[in-house]
Amino acid sequence: YPEPSAFKPERFLKDGEIDPSARNPVMVASFGYGRRVCPGRSLAEQFTWLMAACILATFDISKAVDHDGNVIEPSGRYIMGLARRHEAFECQIKPRSSEVRDFIKDTVASEQ
């Protein structure tokens, strides 16, 4: 599909619904293929989805701002390798509620 580096989830939709004819974005080499495919693939995918959902439900994640209050834009560059990843960038991660903040503090305190 065009512009694979651009975040465009709508490319997998047709009339607001998932397009079954769209290329499957889940087919990744990290789990292997064929007879040697990772047996834990489904568990890993479900756990990744669960973790992302929990993070997005409990934290507000936004672009970082500099000392003058200007938004710092991520570079949009990637580091190439066996697994391509985004170049490091700054962001703001804030708990959505005081309950989340207290839970994090209690968890950290119990680990010490």
C-alpha atoms as a PDB file:
ATOM      1  CA  TYR A   1       0.000   0.000   0.000  1.00  0.00           C
ATOM      2  CA  PRO A   2       1.177   3.596  -0.536  1.00  0.00           C
ATOM      3  CA  GLU A   3       3.005   5.489   2.214  1.00  0.00           C
ATOM      4  CA  PRO A   4       3.692   2.518   4.527  1.00  0.00           C
ATOM      5  CA  SER A   5       5.507   4.757   7.036  1.00  0.00           C
ATOM      6  CA  ALA A   6       2.500   7.064   7.467  1.00  0.00           C
ATOM      7  CA  PHE A   7       0.018   6.309  10.251  1.00  0.00           C
ATOM      8  CA  LYS A   8      -3.174   5.856   8.248  1.00  0.00           C
ATOM      9  CA  PRO A   9      -5.369   3.185   9.859  1.00  0.00           C
ATOM     10  CA  GLU A  10      -8.208   4.169   7.532  1.00  0.00           C
ATOM     11  CA  ARG A  11      -6.373   2.345   4.728  1.00  0.00           C
ATOM     12  CA  PHE A  12      -7.779  -0.876   6.200  1.00  0.00           C
ATOM     13  CA  LEU A  13     -11.369   0.428   6.239  1.00  0.00           C
ATOM     14  CA  LYS A  14     -14.056   0.517   3.585  1.00  0.00           C
ATOM     15  CA  ASP A  15     -17.197   2.538   4.308  1.00  0.00           C
ATOM     16  CA  GLY A  16     -16.244   2.724   7.998  1.00  0.00           C
ATOM     17  CA  GLU A  17     -15.838  -1.059   8.380  1.00  0.00           C
ATOM     18  CA  ILE A  18     -12.781  -3.324   8.264  1.00  0.00           C
ATOM     19  CA  ASP A  19     -12.069  -4.169   4.634  1.00  0.00           C
ATOM     20  CA  PRO A  20     -11.560  -7.964   4.394  1.00  0.00           C
ATOM     21  CA  SER A  21      -9.791  -7.530   1.050  1.00  0.00           C
ATOM     22  CA  ALA A  22      -7.149  -5.211   2.569  1.00  0.00           C
ATOM     23  CA  ARG A  23      -3.689  -6.649   3.054  1.00  0.00           C
ATOM     24  CA  ASN A  24      -3.331  -8.283   6.470  1.00  0.00           C
ATOM     25  CA  PRO A  25      -1.024  -6.010   8.527  1.00  0.00           C
ATOM     26  CA  VAL A  26      -0.487  -8.802  11.079  1.00  0.00           C
ATOM     27  CA  MET A  27       1.700 -10.915   8.806  1.00  0.00           C
ATOM     28  CA  VAL A  28       5.106 -10.168  10.301  1.00  0.00           C
ATOM     29  CA  ALA A  29       8.343 -12.117  10.049  1.00  0.00           C
ATOM     30  CA  SER A  30       9.044 -11.972  13.791  1.00  0.00           C
ATOM     31  CA  PHE A  31       6.650 -14.895  14.363  1.00  0.00           C
ATOM     32  CA  GLY A  32       7.988 -17.003  11.496  1.00  0.00           C
ATOM     33  CA  TYR A  33       6.022 -18.723   8.755  1.00  0.00           C
ATOM     34  CA  GLY A  34       4.628 -22.088   7.806  1.00  0.00           C
ATOM     35  CA  ARG A  35       5.543 -25.141   9.872  1.00  0.00           C
ATOM     36  CA  ARG A  36       7.903 -23.116  12.028  1.00  0.00           C
ATOM     37  CA  VAL A  37       5.472 -20.361  12.969  1.00  0.00           C
ATOM     38  CA  CYS A  38       5.622 -19.377  16.644  1.00  0.00           C
ATOM     39  CA  PRO A  39       2.975 -21.305  18.630  1.00  0.00           C
ATOM     40  CA  GLY A  40       2.638 -18.358  21.026  1.00  0.00           C
ATOM     41  CA  ARG A  41       1.834 -15.862  18.278  1.00  0.00           C
ATOM     42  CA  SER A  42      -1.847 -15.465  19.222  1.00  0.00           C
ATOM     43  CA  LEU A  43      -0.993 -15.034  22.902  1.00  0.00           C
ATOM     44  CA  ALA A  44       1.679 -12.435  22.086  1.00  0.00           C
ATOM     45  CA  GLU A  45      -0.676 -10.492  19.810  1.00  0.00           C
ATOM     46  CA  GLN A  46      -3.500 -10.568  22.379  1.00  0.00           C
ATOM     47  CA  PHE A  47      -1.173  -9.514  25.205  1.00  0.00           C
ATOM     48  CA  THR A  48       0.214  -6.656  23.100  1.00  0.00           C
ATOM     49  CA  TRP A  49      -3.334  -5.487  22.305  1.00  0.00           C
ATOM     50  CA  LEU A  50      -4.309  -5.710  25.998  1.00  0.00           C
ATOM     51  CA  MET A  51      -1.248  -3.732  27.116  1.00  0.00           C
ATOM     52  CA  ALA A  52      -1.855  -1.023  24.500  1.00  0.00           C
ATOM     53  CA  ALA A  53      -5.523  -0.783  25.531  1.00  0.00           C
ATOM     54  CA  CYS A  54      -4.617  -0.514  29.232  1.00  0.00           C
ATOM     55  CA  ILE A  55      -2.007   2.182  28.581  1.00  0.00           C
ATOM     56  CA  LEU A  56      -4.363   4.217  26.382  1.00  0.00           C
ATOM     57  CA  ALA A  57      -7.212   3.852  28.903  1.00  0.00           C
ATOM     58  CA  THR A  58      -5.174   5.038  31.893  1.00  0.00           C
ATOM     59  CA  PHE A  59      -2.751   7.629  30.474  1.00  0.00           C
ATOM     60  CA  ASP A  60      -2.958  10.785  28.389  1.00  0.00           C
ATOM     61  CA  ILE A  61      -0.081  10.636  25.908  1.00  0.00           C
ATOM     62  CA  SER A  62       0.811  13.777  23.996  1.00  0.00           C
ATOM     63  CA  LYS A  63       3.680  15.490  22.234  1.00  0.00           C
ATOM     64  CA  ALA A  64       6.311  17.082  24.458  1.00  0.00           C
ATOM     65  CA  VAL A  65       6.611  20.856  24.786  1.00  0.00           C
ATOM     66  CA  ASP A  66       9.773  22.922  25.159  1.00  0.00           C
ATOM     67  CA  HIS A  67      10.498  25.547  27.854  1.00  0.00           C
ATOM     68  CA  ASP A  68       8.533  28.161  25.871  1.00  0.00           C
ATOM     69  CA  GLY A  69       5.456  25.934  25.543  1.00  0.00           C
ATOM     70  CA  ASN A  70       6.043  25.100  21.868  1.00  0.00           C
ATOM     71  CA  VAL A  71       5.124  21.583  20.757  1.00  0.00           C
ATOM     72  CA  ILE A  72       8.123  19.375  19.914  1.00  0.00           C
ATOM     73  CA  GLU A  73       7.315  17.419  16.756  1.00  0.00           C
ATOM     74  CA  PRO A  74       8.695  13.860  16.485  1.00  0.00           C
ATOM     75  CA  SER A  75      11.215  13.499  13.652  1.00  0.00           C
ATOM     76  CA  GLY A  76       9.262  10.806  11.806  1.00  0.00           C
ATOM     77  CA  ARG A  77      12.513   8.936  11.149  1.00  0.00           C
ATOM     78  CA  TYR A  78      12.964   5.230  11.710  1.00  0.00           C
ATOM     79  CA  ILE A  79      15.921   3.054  12.675  1.00  0.00           C
ATOM     80  CA  MET A  80      16.241   0.212  10.213  1.00  0.00           C
ATOM     81  CA  GLY A  81      17.208  -3.296  11.243  1.00  0.00           C
ATOM     82  CA  LEU A  82      15.672  -6.706  11.736  1.00  0.00           C
ATOM     83  CA  ALA A  83      12.762  -4.925  13.409  1.00  0.00           C
ATOM     84  CA  ARG A  84      12.221  -1.362  12.227  1.00  0.00           C
ATOM     85  CA  ARG A  85      11.528   1.076  15.049  1.00  0.00           C
ATOM     86  CA  HIS A  86      10.868   4.766  15.434  1.00  0.00           C
ATOM     87  CA  GLU A  87      13.795   6.972  16.371  1.00  0.00           C
ATOM     88  CA  ALA A  88      13.638   8.035  20.045  1.00  0.00           C
ATOM     89  CA  PHE A  89      11.448  11.076  20.737  1.00  0.00           C
ATOM     90  CA  GLU A  90      10.139  12.989  23.714  1.00  0.00           C
ATOM     91  CA  CYS A  91       6.512  12.853  24.803  1.00  0.00           C
ATOM     92  CA  GLN A  92       4.325  13.591  27.807  1.00  0.00           C
ATOM     93  CA  ILE A  93       2.677  10.721  29.644  1.00  0.00           C
ATOM     94  CA  LYS A  94       0.245  11.736  32.373  1.00  0.00           C
ATOM     95  CA  PRO A  95      -2.127   9.602  34.464  1.00  0.00           C
ATOM     96  CA  ARG A  96      -5.774  10.226  33.561  1.00  0.00           C
ATOM     97  CA  SER A  97      -6.861  10.191  37.221  1.00  0.00           C
ATOM     98  CA  SER A  98      -5.579  10.469  40.778  1.00  0.00           C
ATOM     99  CA  GLU A  99      -6.455   6.778  41.248  1.00  0.00           C
ATOM    100  CA  VAL A 100      -4.012   5.802  38.507  1.00  0.00           C
ATOM    101  CA  ARG A 101      -1.315   8.061  39.974  1.00  0.00           C
ATOM    102  CA  ASP A 102      -1.829   6.571  43.466  1.00  0.00           C
ATOM    103  CA  PHE A 103      -1.754   3.022  42.069  1.00  0.00           C
ATOM    104  CA  ILE A 104       1.591   3.709  40.365  1.00  0.00           C
ATOM    105  CA  LYS A 105       3.049   5.255  43.532  1.00  0.00           C
ATOM    106  CA  ASP A 106       1.853   2.314  45.657  1.00  0.00           C
ATOM    107  CA  THR A 107       3.272  -0.201  43.175  1.00  0.00           C
ATOM    108  CA  VAL A 108       6.674   1.519  43.086  1.00  0.00           C
ATOM    109  CA  ALA A 109       6.730   1.788  46.895  1.00  0.00           C
ATOM    110  CA  SER A 110       5.938  -1.918  47.291  1.00  0.00           C
ATOM    111  CA  GLU A 111       8.862  -2.841  45.014  1.00  0.00           C
ATOM    112  CA  GLN A 112      11.408  -0.988  47.162  1.00  0.00           C
END
